[in-house]
Amino acid sequence: MGSPDSPCSCVALEPILKRVMAMMQTVGPTPPLMLSGGVAQNQAIARMLEEETGEKVVIPQYPQLMGAYGAALVALGMRD
């Protein structure tokens, strides 16, 4: 597919970017933005999201685990 900056790869990623933008609109994002999940491992998506929003996108060290961390925090809160 080429390098992450190639026009071909960016065109292929546009549907994913549209889905991410739609999800963001439902929650009303506030900066800084954090990208999680497997898609965050694609640096081109983060770069495209920064261009689209004009905001810095933060990617955690292990973005694919953020859902599990969130679930663990909810479960921890339910112990009481």
C-alpha atoms as a PDB file:
ATOM      1  CA  MET A   1       0.000   0.000   0.000  1.00  0.00           C
ATOM      2  CA  GLY A   2       2.990   2.312   0.201  1.00  0.00           C
ATOM      3  CA  SER A   3       4.290   4.555   2.930  1.00  0.00           C
ATOM      4  CA  PRO A   4       1.931   6.018   5.578  1.00  0.00           C
ATOM      5  CA  ASP A   5       2.162   9.402   3.838  1.00  0.00           C
ATOM      6  CA  SER A   6       1.445   8.163   0.334  1.00  0.00           C
ATOM      7  CA  PRO A   7      -1.796   9.392  -1.270  1.00  0.00           C
ATOM      8  CA  CYS A   8      -2.889   5.786  -1.814  1.00  0.00           C
ATOM      9  CA  SER A   9      -2.677   4.856   1.867  1.00  0.00           C
ATOM     10  CA  CYS A  10      -4.422   8.075   2.931  1.00  0.00           C
ATOM     11  CA  VAL A  11      -7.319   7.435   0.553  1.00  0.00           C
ATOM     12  CA  ALA A  12      -7.637   3.893   1.894  1.00  0.00           C
ATOM     13  CA  LEU A  13      -7.778   5.241   5.471  1.00  0.00           C
ATOM     14  CA  GLU A  14     -10.449   7.898   4.845  1.00  0.00           C
ATOM     15  CA  PRO A  15     -13.397   5.585   5.732  1.00  0.00           C
ATOM     16  CA  ILE A  16     -11.729   4.754   9.056  1.00  0.00           C
ATOM     17  CA  LEU A  17     -11.133   8.446   9.735  1.00  0.00           C
ATOM     18  CA  LYS A  18     -14.802   9.202   8.998  1.00  0.00           C
ATOM     19  CA  ARG A  19     -15.894   6.541  11.521  1.00  0.00           C
ATOM     20  CA  VAL A  20     -13.530   7.904  14.165  1.00  0.00           C
ATOM     21  CA  MET A  21     -14.781  11.466  13.552  1.00  0.00           C
ATOM     22  CA  ALA A  22     -18.410  10.310  13.820  1.00  0.00           C
ATOM     23  CA  MET A  23     -17.702   8.549  17.134  1.00  0.00           C
ATOM     24  CA  MET A  24     -15.962  11.667  18.435  1.00  0.00           C
ATOM     25  CA  GLN A  25     -18.960  13.830  17.586  1.00  0.00           C
ATOM     26  CA  THR A  26     -21.222  11.668  19.770  1.00  0.00           C
ATOM     27  CA  VAL A  27     -19.158  12.368  22.891  1.00  0.00           C
ATOM     28  CA  GLY A  28     -18.079  15.961  22.236  1.00  0.00           C
ATOM     29  CA  PRO A  29     -14.293  15.655  22.341  1.00  0.00           C
ATOM     30  CA  THR A  30     -12.105  17.933  24.425  1.00  0.00           C
ATOM     31  CA  PRO A  31      -8.376  18.340  23.835  1.00  0.00           C
ATOM     32  CA  PRO A  32      -6.022  16.665  24.083  1.00  0.00           C
ATOM     33  CA  LEU A  33      -7.436  13.835  21.984  1.00  0.00           C
ATOM     34  CA  MET A  34      -6.407  10.256  22.736  1.00  0.00           C
ATOM     35  CA  LEU A  35      -6.582   7.539  20.133  1.00  0.00           C
ATOM     36  CA  SER A  36      -6.953   4.012  21.467  1.00  0.00           C
ATOM     37  CA  GLY A  37      -7.516   0.547  20.094  1.00  0.00           C
ATOM     38  CA  GLY A  38      -5.721  -1.215  17.304  1.00  0.00           C
ATOM     39  CA  VAL A  39      -6.307   1.634  14.860  1.00  0.00           C
ATOM     40  CA  ALA A  40      -4.066   3.848  16.996  1.00  0.00           C
ATOM     41  CA  GLN A  41      -1.094   1.755  15.944  1.00  0.00           C
ATOM     42  CA  ASN A  42      -1.450   3.276  12.477  1.00  0.00           C
ATOM     43  CA  GLN A  43       0.404   6.591  12.710  1.00  0.00           C
ATOM     44  CA  ALA A  44      -1.174   7.828   9.480  1.00  0.00           C
ATOM     45  CA  ILE A  45      -4.627   7.788  11.140  1.00  0.00           C
ATOM     46  CA  ALA A  46      -3.335   9.864  14.048  1.00  0.00           C
ATOM     47  CA  ARG A  47      -1.746  12.343  11.660  1.00  0.00           C
ATOM     48  CA  MET A  48      -4.928  12.587   9.566  1.00  0.00           C
ATOM     49  CA  LEU A  49      -7.008  13.073  12.729  1.00  0.00           C
ATOM     50  CA  GLU A  50      -4.713  15.900  13.858  1.00  0.00           C
ATOM     51  CA  GLU A  51      -5.096  17.555  10.459  1.00  0.00           C
ATOM     52  CA  GLU A  52      -8.885  17.145  10.508  1.00  0.00           C
ATOM     53  CA  THR A  53      -9.392  18.450  14.052  1.00  0.00           C
ATOM     54  CA  GLY A  54      -6.460  20.832  14.433  1.00  0.00           C
ATOM     55  CA  GLU A  55      -5.761  19.193  17.804  1.00  0.00           C
ATOM     56  CA  LYS A  56      -2.844  17.131  19.108  1.00  0.00           C
ATOM     57  CA  VAL A  57      -3.545  13.394  19.188  1.00  0.00           C
ATOM     58  CA  VAL A  58      -1.977  11.412  22.036  1.00  0.00           C
ATOM     59  CA  ILE A  59      -1.353   7.703  21.546  1.00  0.00           C
ATOM     60  CA  PRO A  60      -0.780   5.626  24.700  1.00  0.00           C
ATOM     61  CA  GLN A  61       2.084   3.147  24.834  1.00  0.00           C
ATOM     62  CA  TYR A  62      -0.325   0.186  24.536  1.00  0.00           C
ATOM     63  CA  PRO A  63      -3.401   1.588  22.747  1.00  0.00           C
ATOM     64  CA  GLN A  64      -4.900  -1.847  22.153  1.00  0.00           C
ATOM     65  CA  LEU A  65      -5.295  -2.308  25.936  1.00  0.00           C
ATOM     66  CA  MET A  66      -7.212   0.896  26.750  1.00  0.00           C
ATOM     67  CA  GLY A  67     -10.614  -0.832  26.633  1.00  0.00           C
ATOM     68  CA  ALA A  68      -9.386  -3.484  29.058  1.00  0.00           C
ATOM     69  CA  TYR A  69      -7.985  -0.816  31.389  1.00  0.00           C
ATOM     70  CA  GLY A  70     -11.318   0.997  31.344  1.00  0.00           C
ATOM     71  CA  ALA A  71     -13.228  -2.212  32.088  1.00  0.00           C
ATOM     72  CA  ALA A  72     -10.860  -2.962  34.982  1.00  0.00           C
ATOM     73  CA  LEU A  73     -11.407   0.513  36.450  1.00  0.00           C
ATOM     74  CA  VAL A  74     -15.195   0.095  36.223  1.00  0.00           C
ATOM     75  CA  ALA A  75     -14.963  -3.331  37.871  1.00  0.00           C
ATOM     76  CA  LEU A  76     -12.731  -1.910  40.599  1.00  0.00           C
ATOM     77  CA  GLY A  77     -15.334   0.751  41.305  1.00  0.00           C
ATOM     78  CA  MET A  78     -18.057  -1.908  41.561  1.00  0.00           C
ATOM     79  CA  ARG A  79     -16.268  -3.735  44.386  1.00  0.00           C
ATOM     80  CA  ASP A  80     -17.577  -1.394  47.048  1.00  0.00           C
END
